[in-house]
Amino acid sequence: MDKMQDIRRQTLALLVDNEPGVLSQIARLFSRKGYNIEAFAAGPTENPGVTRITIDVLADEPHTELLCNQLRKLYPVHSVKRLNTGNSIYRELMLIKVRADSSERRNDVIQLANIFRAQIIDVSLETLTLGMTGDAEKMDGLENIMNEFEVLEIARTGVVAIERGKATINDKSKESGEFNYGKNVL
């Protein structure tokens, strides 16, 4: 079987201490193992001392499991969970600025934005900036359509994901207190 067939986009969700240097540790781990991070999003959680990170990486099953195990060994990492598309919700934010230097072009862009359920978030005499949340395919579709109007700039957040239903990221993969030197355990 061809090894390239086994490689696919994997989404990992992590809970980590909210402190300087944590993101660097995680990025170095991926670099040392020879993996490029395809998308990376980090933000606060319900606990101000904890950050949630969502990472997309191209890897096969055994290497993804290896990455998860290596991440779990890092001191500031509380939890690591591999998300699958069947039971998770994925969203991304995209801001896209397009040339719209005539009323006809502005109207065309606005009509297309409405079809994609994008919001007009900034208007100038020469440009329109749209904002949209959704899955990557939806973002790619809007971007492809907007290329007709000369895309001037794009900013995308990368994917954030959460499991459906009552499942949470709070796996108990570390023994209670294992790396808890005076810190709150989730």
N, C-alpha and C. Protein backbone atom coordinates (compact mmCIF):
# COMPACT_ATOMS: atom_id res chain seq x y z
N MET A 1 0.85 -1.18 0.00
CA MET A 1 0.00 0.00 0.00
C MET A 1 0.89 1.24 0.00
N ASP A 2 0.53 2.24 -0.78
CA ASP A 2 1.29 3.47 -0.89
C ASP A 2 1.16 4.29 0.38
N LYS A 3 2.30 4.71 0.94
CA LYS A 3 2.30 5.49 2.18
C LYS A 3 1.56 6.81 2.02
N MET A 4 1.63 7.42 0.84
CA MET A 4 0.98 8.72 0.63
C MET A 4 -0.54 8.60 0.76
N GLN A 5 -1.11 7.43 0.52
CA GLN A 5 -2.55 7.26 0.63
C GLN A 5 -3.00 7.33 2.09
N ASP A 6 -2.11 6.97 3.01
CA ASP A 6 -2.46 6.96 4.43
C ASP A 6 -2.42 8.34 5.06
N ILE A 7 -1.73 9.27 4.42
CA ILE A 7 -1.58 10.61 4.99
C ILE A 7 -2.83 11.43 4.70
N ARG A 8 -3.37 12.02 5.78
CA ARG A 8 -4.55 12.88 5.64
C ARG A 8 -4.50 13.96 6.71
N ARG A 9 -5.38 14.91 6.56
CA ARG A 9 -5.44 16.02 7.52
C ARG A 9 -5.99 15.49 8.84
N GLN A 10 -5.25 15.72 9.91
CA GLN A 10 -5.64 15.32 11.26
C GLN A 10 -5.85 16.58 12.08
N THR A 11 -6.87 16.61 12.91
CA THR A 11 -7.13 17.75 13.78
C THR A 11 -6.93 17.33 15.22
N LEU A 12 -6.06 18.07 15.91
CA LEU A 12 -5.77 17.82 17.31
C LEU A 12 -6.23 19.02 18.13
N ALA A 13 -6.87 18.75 19.26
CA ALA A 13 -7.28 19.80 20.19
C ALA A 13 -6.47 19.60 21.47
N LEU A 14 -5.93 20.70 21.99
CA LEU A 14 -5.10 20.65 23.19
C LEU A 14 -5.59 21.67 24.20
N LEU A 15 -5.44 21.35 25.48
CA LEU A 15 -5.58 22.31 26.56
C LEU A 15 -4.21 22.45 27.18
N VAL A 16 -3.72 23.69 27.27
CA VAL A 16 -2.37 23.94 27.78
C VAL A 16 -2.39 25.10 28.76
N ASP A 17 -1.33 25.18 29.58
CA ASP A 17 -1.19 26.32 30.47
C ASP A 17 -1.08 27.59 29.65
N ASN A 18 -1.70 28.65 30.11
CA ASN A 18 -1.63 29.94 29.45
C ASN A 18 -0.41 30.68 30.01
N GLU A 19 0.74 30.40 29.42
CA GLU A 19 1.98 31.02 29.89
C GLU A 19 2.95 31.15 28.73
N PRO A 20 3.93 32.06 28.85
CA PRO A 20 4.89 32.26 27.77
C PRO A 20 5.69 31.00 27.46
N GLY A 21 5.96 30.78 26.19
CA GLY A 21 6.80 29.68 25.76
C GLY A 21 6.08 28.39 25.40
N VAL A 22 4.82 28.26 25.77
CA VAL A 22 4.10 27.00 25.51
C VAL A 22 3.93 26.77 24.01
N LEU A 23 3.51 27.79 23.28
CA LEU A 23 3.31 27.64 21.84
C LEU A 23 4.62 27.26 21.15
N SER A 24 5.71 27.84 21.62
CA SER A 24 7.03 27.53 21.06
C SER A 24 7.39 26.07 21.30
N GLN A 25 7.12 25.55 22.49
CA GLN A 25 7.40 24.14 22.79
C GLN A 25 6.63 23.22 21.85
N ILE A 26 5.38 23.54 21.64
CA ILE A 26 4.54 22.71 20.78
C ILE A 26 5.02 22.76 19.34
N ALA A 27 5.32 23.96 18.85
CA ALA A 27 5.81 24.11 17.47
C ALA A 27 7.13 23.37 17.29
N ARG A 28 8.02 23.43 18.27
CA ARG A 28 9.31 22.72 18.18
C ARG A 28 9.10 21.21 18.11
N LEU A 29 8.13 20.70 18.86
CA LEU A 29 7.85 19.26 18.82
C LEU A 29 7.48 18.83 17.40
N PHE A 30 6.60 19.57 16.75
CA PHE A 30 6.19 19.24 15.39
C PHE A 30 7.38 19.34 14.44
N SER A 31 8.18 20.38 14.62
CA SER A 31 9.35 20.58 13.77
C SER A 31 10.36 19.44 13.93
N ARG A 32 10.64 19.05 15.17
CA ARG A 32 11.58 17.95 15.43
C ARG A 32 11.12 16.65 14.80
N LYS A 33 9.82 16.42 14.81
CA LYS A 33 9.26 15.19 14.25
C LYS A 33 9.10 15.27 12.73
N GLY A 34 9.38 16.45 12.14
CA GLY A 34 9.32 16.60 10.69
C GLY A 34 7.94 16.87 10.13
N TYR A 35 7.05 17.46 10.95
CA TYR A 35 5.69 17.76 10.49
C TYR A 35 5.46 19.25 10.41
N ASN A 36 4.80 19.65 9.35
CA ASN A 36 4.42 21.04 9.18
C ASN A 36 3.01 21.23 9.74
N ILE A 37 2.82 22.26 10.51
CA ILE A 37 1.49 22.58 11.02
C ILE A 37 0.73 23.28 9.90
N GLU A 38 -0.36 22.68 9.46
CA GLU A 38 -1.16 23.22 8.35
C GLU A 38 -2.03 24.39 8.80
N ALA A 39 -2.58 24.29 10.00
CA ALA A 39 -3.41 25.37 10.57
C ALA A 39 -3.25 25.32 12.08
N PHE A 40 -3.29 26.49 12.69
CA PHE A 40 -3.05 26.60 14.12
C PHE A 40 -3.94 27.72 14.66
N ALA A 41 -4.74 27.43 15.66
CA ALA A 41 -5.57 28.46 16.28
C ALA A 41 -5.49 28.28 17.79
N ALA A 42 -5.32 29.38 18.51
CA ALA A 42 -5.22 29.32 19.97
C ALA A 42 -6.07 30.42 20.55
N GLY A 43 -6.69 30.14 21.69
CA GLY A 43 -7.51 31.14 22.35
C GLY A 43 -7.86 30.72 23.76
N PRO A 44 -8.43 31.66 24.51
CA PRO A 44 -8.78 31.39 25.90
C PRO A 44 -9.92 30.39 26.02
N THR A 45 -10.01 29.79 27.21
CA THR A 45 -11.10 28.87 27.52
C THR A 45 -11.91 29.46 28.66
N GLU A 46 -12.81 28.65 29.21
CA GLU A 46 -13.60 29.09 30.36
C GLU A 46 -12.72 29.29 31.59
N ASN A 47 -11.50 28.74 31.59
CA ASN A 47 -10.53 28.89 32.66
C ASN A 47 -9.43 29.85 32.19
N PRO A 48 -9.26 31.02 32.82
CA PRO A 48 -8.28 32.00 32.33
C PRO A 48 -6.83 31.51 32.33
N GLY A 49 -6.53 30.48 33.10
CA GLY A 49 -5.17 29.95 33.14
C GLY A 49 -4.89 28.90 32.08
N VAL A 50 -5.90 28.61 31.24
CA VAL A 50 -5.77 27.54 30.24
C VAL A 50 -6.11 28.08 28.86
N THR A 51 -5.31 27.67 27.88
CA THR A 51 -5.52 28.03 26.48
C THR A 51 -5.90 26.78 25.71
N ARG A 52 -6.84 26.92 24.78
CA ARG A 52 -7.20 25.81 23.90
C ARG A 52 -6.52 26.04 22.56
N ILE A 53 -5.89 25.01 22.06
CA ILE A 53 -5.19 25.08 20.78
C ILE A 53 -5.78 24.02 19.86
N THR A 54 -6.05 24.42 18.62
CA THR A 54 -6.47 23.48 17.59
C THR A 54 -5.38 23.47 16.53
N ILE A 55 -4.89 22.28 16.20
CA ILE A 55 -3.81 22.13 15.23
C ILE A 55 -4.26 21.17 14.15
N ASP A 56 -4.05 21.56 12.89
CA ASP A 56 -4.24 20.66 11.76
C ASP A 56 -2.87 20.28 11.22
N VAL A 57 -2.68 18.99 10.99
CA VAL A 57 -1.40 18.49 10.49
C VAL A 57 -1.68 17.37 9.50
N LEU A 58 -0.84 17.24 8.48
CA LEU A 58 -0.95 16.13 7.55
C LEU A 58 -0.09 14.99 8.08
N ALA A 59 -0.73 13.87 8.40
CA ALA A 59 -0.01 12.73 8.97
C ALA A 59 -0.83 11.47 8.79
N ASP A 60 -0.16 10.34 8.92
CA ASP A 60 -0.88 9.07 8.90
C ASP A 60 -1.28 8.72 10.33
N GLU A 61 -2.03 7.63 10.49
CA GLU A 61 -2.55 7.24 11.81
C GLU A 61 -1.45 6.99 12.84
N PRO A 62 -0.43 6.16 12.53
CA PRO A 62 0.58 5.89 13.56
C PRO A 62 1.36 7.14 13.98
N HIS A 63 1.66 8.01 13.02
CA HIS A 63 2.41 9.21 13.35
C HIS A 63 1.55 10.21 14.12
N THR A 64 0.26 10.24 13.84
CA THR A 64 -0.64 11.10 14.61
C THR A 64 -0.69 10.64 16.06
N GLU A 65 -0.78 9.34 16.26
CA GLU A 65 -0.79 8.81 17.62
C GLU A 65 0.53 9.13 18.33
N LEU A 66 1.64 9.02 17.62
CA LEU A 66 2.95 9.37 18.19
C LEU A 66 2.98 10.84 18.60
N LEU A 67 2.49 11.72 17.71
CA LEU A 67 2.45 13.15 18.03
C LEU A 67 1.60 13.40 19.28
N CYS A 68 0.44 12.76 19.36
CA CYS A 68 -0.43 12.93 20.53
C CYS A 68 0.27 12.49 21.81
N ASN A 69 0.94 11.35 21.76
CA ASN A 69 1.66 10.85 22.93
C ASN A 69 2.79 11.78 23.33
N GLN A 70 3.51 12.31 22.35
CA GLN A 70 4.60 13.25 22.65
C GLN A 70 4.06 14.55 23.23
N LEU A 71 2.94 15.03 22.70
CA LEU A 71 2.32 16.25 23.23
C LEU A 71 1.89 16.05 24.68
N ARG A 72 1.33 14.89 24.99
CA ARG A 72 0.87 14.61 26.36
C ARG A 72 2.02 14.63 27.37
N LYS A 73 3.24 14.36 26.90
CA LYS A 73 4.39 14.34 27.79
C LYS A 73 4.90 15.75 28.14
N LEU A 74 4.50 16.74 27.38
CA LEU A 74 4.95 18.11 27.66
C LEU A 74 4.31 18.61 28.95
N TYR A 75 5.12 19.21 29.80
CA TYR A 75 4.66 19.68 31.11
C TYR A 75 3.43 20.59 31.04
N PRO A 76 3.40 21.61 30.16
CA PRO A 76 2.25 22.53 30.19
C PRO A 76 0.98 22.00 29.52
N VAL A 77 1.02 20.79 28.96
CA VAL A 77 -0.14 20.25 28.26
C VAL A 77 -1.02 19.48 29.24
N HIS A 78 -2.27 19.91 29.36
CA HIS A 78 -3.23 19.23 30.23
C HIS A 78 -3.93 18.08 29.52
N SER A 79 -4.27 18.30 28.25
CA SER A 79 -5.10 17.34 27.55
C SER A 79 -4.83 17.42 26.05
N VAL A 80 -4.89 16.27 25.38
CA VAL A 80 -4.76 16.20 23.93
C VAL A 80 -5.87 15.28 23.43
N LYS A 81 -6.59 15.73 22.43
CA LYS A 81 -7.66 14.90 21.86
C LYS A 81 -7.60 15.00 20.35
N ARG A 82 -7.70 13.86 19.72
CA ARG A 82 -7.77 13.80 18.27
C ARG A 82 -9.23 13.87 17.87
N LEU A 83 -9.59 14.83 17.05
CA LEU A 83 -10.98 15.02 16.65
C LEU A 83 -11.20 14.35 15.30
N ASN A 84 -12.38 13.78 15.13
CA ASN A 84 -12.70 13.23 13.81
C ASN A 84 -13.90 13.97 13.24
N THR A 85 -13.94 14.00 11.93
CA THR A 85 -14.95 14.81 11.24
C THR A 85 -16.37 14.32 11.48
N GLY A 86 -16.55 13.06 11.81
CA GLY A 86 -17.88 12.52 12.01
C GLY A 86 -18.58 13.04 13.26
N ASN A 87 -17.82 13.39 14.29
CA ASN A 87 -18.48 13.83 15.53
C ASN A 87 -17.93 15.15 16.05
N SER A 88 -17.45 16.00 15.14
CA SER A 88 -16.92 17.30 15.55
C SER A 88 -17.46 18.41 14.66
N ILE A 89 -17.45 19.60 15.20
CA ILE A 89 -17.88 20.79 14.47
C ILE A 89 -16.63 21.61 14.18
N TYR A 90 -16.42 21.99 12.93
CA TYR A 90 -15.25 22.74 12.50
C TYR A 90 -15.70 24.09 11.96
N ARG A 91 -15.01 25.15 12.37
CA ARG A 91 -15.30 26.49 11.85
C ARG A 91 -14.01 27.26 11.69
N GLU A 92 -14.06 28.19 10.75
CA GLU A 92 -12.93 29.07 10.46
C GLU A 92 -13.50 30.46 10.20
N LEU A 93 -12.70 31.47 10.44
CA LEU A 93 -13.08 32.85 10.12
C LEU A 93 -12.18 33.33 8.99
N MET A 94 -12.80 34.01 8.01
CA MET A 94 -12.04 34.60 6.92
C MET A 94 -12.48 36.04 6.74
N LEU A 95 -11.50 36.92 6.58
CA LEU A 95 -11.73 38.29 6.16
C LEU A 95 -11.12 38.40 4.76
N ILE A 96 -11.89 38.96 3.82
CA ILE A 96 -11.41 39.06 2.45
C ILE A 96 -11.75 40.45 1.91
N LYS A 97 -10.71 41.13 1.44
CA LYS A 97 -10.87 42.48 0.89
C LYS A 97 -10.77 42.40 -0.62
N VAL A 98 -11.78 42.93 -1.32
CA VAL A 98 -11.81 42.89 -2.79
C VAL A 98 -11.98 44.28 -3.35
N ARG A 99 -11.47 44.44 -4.57
CA ARG A 99 -11.64 45.72 -5.27
C ARG A 99 -13.10 45.84 -5.70
N ALA A 100 -13.69 46.97 -5.36
CA ALA A 100 -15.08 47.26 -5.74
C ALA A 100 -15.16 48.76 -5.97
N ASP A 101 -14.57 49.21 -7.08
CA ASP A 101 -14.41 50.64 -7.34
C ASP A 101 -15.50 51.26 -8.19
N SER A 102 -16.60 50.53 -8.37
CA SER A 102 -17.77 51.08 -9.04
C SER A 102 -19.01 50.55 -8.34
N SER A 103 -20.12 51.25 -8.51
CA SER A 103 -21.34 50.80 -7.85
C SER A 103 -21.79 49.44 -8.41
N GLU A 104 -21.55 49.19 -9.68
CA GLU A 104 -21.92 47.91 -10.27
C GLU A 104 -21.11 46.77 -9.64
N ARG A 105 -19.81 46.98 -9.50
CA ARG A 105 -18.95 45.95 -8.88
C ARG A 105 -19.35 45.74 -7.41
N ARG A 106 -19.62 46.84 -6.69
CA ARG A 106 -20.04 46.72 -5.29
C ARG A 106 -21.32 45.89 -5.19
N ASN A 107 -22.27 46.18 -6.03
CA ASN A 107 -23.54 45.43 -6.03
C ASN A 107 -23.31 43.94 -6.31
N ASP A 108 -22.44 43.64 -7.28
CA ASP A 108 -22.14 42.24 -7.60
C ASP A 108 -21.50 41.54 -6.40
N VAL A 109 -20.54 42.21 -5.76
CA VAL A 109 -19.87 41.61 -4.60
C VAL A 109 -20.87 41.40 -3.46
N ILE A 110 -21.73 42.37 -3.22
CA ILE A 110 -22.73 42.26 -2.15
C ILE A 110 -23.68 41.10 -2.43
N GLN A 111 -24.12 40.94 -3.67
CA GLN A 111 -25.02 39.82 -4.01
C GLN A 111 -24.34 38.47 -3.76
N LEU A 112 -23.09 38.36 -4.16
CA LEU A 112 -22.36 37.11 -3.93
C LEU A 112 -22.12 36.88 -2.44
N ALA A 113 -21.83 37.94 -1.72
CA ALA A 113 -21.64 37.82 -0.26
C ALA A 113 -22.92 37.29 0.38
N ASN A 114 -24.06 37.77 -0.06
CA ASN A 114 -25.34 37.29 0.47
C ASN A 114 -25.55 35.80 0.18
N ILE A 115 -25.17 35.35 -1.00
CA ILE A 115 -25.31 33.93 -1.35
C ILE A 115 -24.48 33.07 -0.39
N PHE A 116 -23.28 33.54 -0.06
CA PHE A 116 -22.39 32.79 0.84
C PHE A 116 -22.64 33.09 2.32
N ARG A 117 -23.59 33.95 2.58
CA ARG A 117 -23.91 34.40 3.95
C ARG A 117 -22.72 35.06 4.63
N ALA A 118 -21.94 35.78 3.83
CA ALA A 118 -20.83 36.58 4.35
C ALA A 118 -21.37 37.94 4.72
N GLN A 119 -20.70 38.60 5.65
CA GLN A 119 -21.11 39.93 6.07
C GLN A 119 -20.19 40.98 5.48
N ILE A 120 -20.75 42.10 5.10
CA ILE A 120 -19.95 43.24 4.67
C ILE A 120 -19.51 43.93 5.96
N ILE A 121 -18.20 43.98 6.22
CA ILE A 121 -17.75 44.55 7.49
C ILE A 121 -16.98 45.86 7.32
N ASP A 122 -16.64 46.19 6.06
CA ASP A 122 -16.00 47.49 5.81
C ASP A 122 -16.25 47.89 4.37
N VAL A 123 -16.54 49.17 4.18
CA VAL A 123 -16.82 49.71 2.85
C VAL A 123 -15.98 50.95 2.65
N SER A 124 -15.32 51.05 1.51
CA SER A 124 -14.64 52.28 1.11
C SER A 124 -15.03 52.57 -0.33
N LEU A 125 -14.55 53.67 -0.88
CA LEU A 125 -14.89 54.00 -2.26
C LEU A 125 -14.30 52.99 -3.25
N GLU A 126 -13.24 52.29 -2.86
CA GLU A 126 -12.58 51.38 -3.79
C GLU A 126 -12.62 49.90 -3.38
N THR A 127 -13.01 49.61 -2.13
CA THR A 127 -12.97 48.22 -1.67
C THR A 127 -14.18 47.86 -0.83
N LEU A 128 -14.42 46.56 -0.74
CA LEU A 128 -15.36 45.97 0.21
C LEU A 128 -14.60 44.89 0.96
N THR A 129 -14.81 44.83 2.26
CA THR A 129 -14.22 43.77 3.06
C THR A 129 -15.35 42.92 3.60
N LEU A 130 -15.25 41.60 3.35
CA LEU A 130 -16.26 40.65 3.78
C LEU A 130 -15.71 39.83 4.93
N GLY A 131 -16.59 39.42 5.83
CA GLY A 131 -16.23 38.51 6.90
C GLY A 131 -17.16 37.31 6.85
N MET A 132 -16.59 36.12 7.06
CA MET A 132 -17.41 34.92 6.99
C MET A 132 -16.85 33.85 7.91
N THR A 133 -17.76 33.10 8.54
CA THR A 133 -17.35 31.92 9.29
C THR A 133 -17.99 30.71 8.63
N GLY A 134 -17.28 29.60 8.72
CA GLY A 134 -17.80 28.37 8.14
C GLY A 134 -16.70 27.34 8.02
N ASP A 135 -16.95 26.32 7.20
CA ASP A 135 -15.92 25.31 7.00
C ASP A 135 -14.97 25.75 5.88
N ALA A 136 -13.86 25.05 5.77
CA ALA A 136 -12.81 25.43 4.82
C ALA A 136 -13.32 25.42 3.38
N GLU A 137 -14.18 24.48 3.03
CA GLU A 137 -14.69 24.40 1.67
C GLU A 137 -15.51 25.65 1.32
N LYS A 138 -16.29 26.13 2.28
CA LYS A 138 -17.09 27.34 2.07
C LYS A 138 -16.16 28.55 1.87
N MET A 139 -15.09 28.62 2.67
CA MET A 139 -14.13 29.71 2.53
C MET A 139 -13.46 29.68 1.16
N ASP A 140 -13.05 28.47 0.75
CA ASP A 140 -12.40 28.32 -0.55
C ASP A 140 -13.35 28.73 -1.67
N GLY A 141 -14.62 28.37 -1.55
CA GLY A 141 -15.61 28.73 -2.56
C GLY A 141 -15.77 30.24 -2.69
N LEU A 142 -15.88 30.94 -1.56
CA LEU A 142 -16.01 32.40 -1.62
C LEU A 142 -14.74 33.02 -2.21
N GLU A 143 -13.60 32.53 -1.78
CA GLU A 143 -12.34 33.07 -2.30
C GLU A 143 -12.26 32.89 -3.82
N ASN A 144 -12.62 31.72 -4.32
CA ASN A 144 -12.57 31.47 -5.77
C ASN A 144 -13.50 32.41 -6.53
N ILE A 145 -14.69 32.63 -6.02
CA ILE A 145 -15.64 33.54 -6.67
C ILE A 145 -15.14 34.97 -6.64
N MET A 146 -14.55 35.37 -5.50
CA MET A 146 -14.10 36.75 -5.35
C MET A 146 -12.85 37.06 -6.18
N ASN A 147 -12.15 36.03 -6.64
CA ASN A 147 -10.99 36.27 -7.50
C ASN A 147 -11.37 37.04 -8.75
N GLU A 148 -12.64 36.92 -9.17
CA GLU A 148 -13.15 37.66 -10.33
C GLU A 148 -13.09 39.18 -10.08
N PHE A 149 -13.13 39.59 -8.83
CA PHE A 149 -13.18 41.01 -8.48
C PHE A 149 -11.83 41.56 -8.00
N GLU A 150 -10.79 40.82 -8.13
CA GLU A 150 -9.44 41.17 -7.68
C GLU A 150 -9.38 41.20 -6.15
N VAL A 151 -9.00 40.09 -5.61
CA VAL A 151 -8.79 39.96 -4.17
C VAL A 151 -7.53 40.73 -3.81
N LEU A 152 -7.65 41.67 -2.87
CA LEU A 152 -6.51 42.48 -2.45
C LEU A 152 -5.80 41.90 -1.22
N GLU A 153 -6.60 41.24 -0.37
CA GLU A 153 -6.01 40.71 0.86
C GLU A 153 -6.95 39.68 1.47
N ILE A 154 -6.35 38.65 2.07
CA ILE A 154 -7.13 37.62 2.77
C ILE A 154 -6.46 37.34 4.11
N ALA A 155 -7.28 37.20 5.15
CA ALA A 155 -6.80 36.75 6.45
C ALA A 155 -7.74 35.63 6.91
N ARG A 156 -7.14 34.46 7.21
CA ARG A 156 -7.92 33.32 7.69
C ARG A 156 -7.36 32.87 9.02
N THR A 157 -8.25 32.48 9.92
CA THR A 157 -7.82 32.13 11.28
C THR A 157 -7.24 30.73 11.39
N GLY A 158 -7.58 29.85 10.50
CA GLY A 158 -7.31 28.44 10.73
C GLY A 158 -8.51 27.87 11.45
N VAL A 159 -8.59 26.58 11.48
CA VAL A 159 -9.76 25.89 11.99
C VAL A 159 -9.78 25.88 13.52
N VAL A 160 -10.95 26.07 14.09
CA VAL A 160 -11.21 25.73 15.48
C VAL A 160 -12.28 24.63 15.44
N ALA A 161 -12.20 23.72 16.39
CA ALA A 161 -13.11 22.58 16.36
C ALA A 161 -13.49 22.18 17.77
N ILE A 162 -14.67 21.60 17.89
CA ILE A 162 -15.16 21.10 19.16
C ILE A 162 -16.02 19.87 18.87
N GLU A 163 -16.04 18.93 19.80
CA GLU A 163 -16.83 17.72 19.59
C GLU A 163 -18.32 18.00 19.78
N ARG A 164 -19.11 17.25 19.07
CA ARG A 164 -20.56 17.35 19.20
C ARG A 164 -21.01 16.67 20.49
N GLY A 165 -22.19 17.04 20.97
CA GLY A 165 -22.79 16.37 22.12
C GLY A 165 -22.05 16.63 23.42
N LYS A 166 -22.10 15.67 24.33
CA LYS A 166 -21.56 15.87 25.66
C LYS A 166 -20.07 15.60 25.78
N ALA A 167 -19.45 15.03 24.75
CA ALA A 167 -18.01 14.75 24.79
C ALA A 167 -17.23 16.06 24.90
N THR A 168 -16.16 16.05 25.69
CA THR A 168 -15.31 17.23 25.85
C THR A 168 -13.85 16.86 25.68
N ILE A 169 -13.03 17.87 25.64
CA ILE A 169 -11.59 17.67 25.50
C ILE A 169 -10.94 17.21 26.80
N ASN A 170 -11.65 17.30 27.88
CA ASN A 170 -11.08 16.99 29.19
C ASN A 170 -10.84 15.50 29.37
N ASP A 171 -9.96 14.94 28.50
CA ASP A 171 -9.63 13.53 28.70
C ASP A 171 -8.74 13.41 29.93
N LYS A 172 -8.74 12.29 30.50
CA LYS A 172 -7.96 12.07 31.72
C LYS A 172 -6.72 11.24 31.40
N SER A 173 -5.97 11.69 30.36
CA SER A 173 -4.83 10.90 29.90
C SER A 173 -3.64 11.00 30.85
N LYS A 174 -3.57 12.04 31.65
CA LYS A 174 -2.50 12.15 32.63
C LYS A 174 -3.05 11.73 33.98
N GLU A 175 -2.26 11.02 34.71
CA GLU A 175 -2.70 10.62 36.04
C GLU A 175 -2.88 11.88 36.88
N SER A 176 -3.83 11.84 37.78
CA SER A 176 -4.10 12.98 38.63
C SER A 176 -2.84 13.40 39.37
N GLY A 177 -2.45 14.64 39.18
CA GLY A 177 -1.28 15.18 39.87
C GLY A 177 0.05 14.83 39.24
N GLU A 178 0.04 14.10 38.13
CA GLU A 178 1.29 13.64 37.52
C GLU A 178 2.26 14.79 37.25
N PHE A 179 1.77 15.85 36.61
CA PHE A 179 2.60 17.00 36.31
C PHE A 179 2.03 18.24 36.97
N ASN A 180 1.46 18.09 38.12
CA ASN A 180 0.73 19.16 38.78
C ASN A 180 1.51 19.67 39.98
N TYR A 181 2.49 20.45 39.73
CA TYR A 181 3.29 21.01 40.81
C TYR A 181 2.66 22.32 41.27
N GLY A 182 1.57 22.21 42.04
CA GLY A 182 0.91 23.39 42.58
C GLY A 182 -0.03 24.06 41.62
N LYS A 183 -0.35 23.46 40.49
CA LYS A 183 -1.26 24.08 39.52
C LYS A 183 -2.64 23.43 39.64
N ASN A 184 -3.63 24.16 39.18
CA ASN A 184 -5.00 23.63 39.17
C ASN A 184 -5.12 22.55 38.12
N VAL A 185 -5.69 21.44 38.46
CA VAL A 185 -5.96 20.37 37.51
C VAL A 185 -7.33 20.57 36.92
N LEU A 186 -7.44 20.36 35.63
CA LEU A 186 -8.75 20.48 34.97
C LEU A 186 -9.64 19.33 35.34
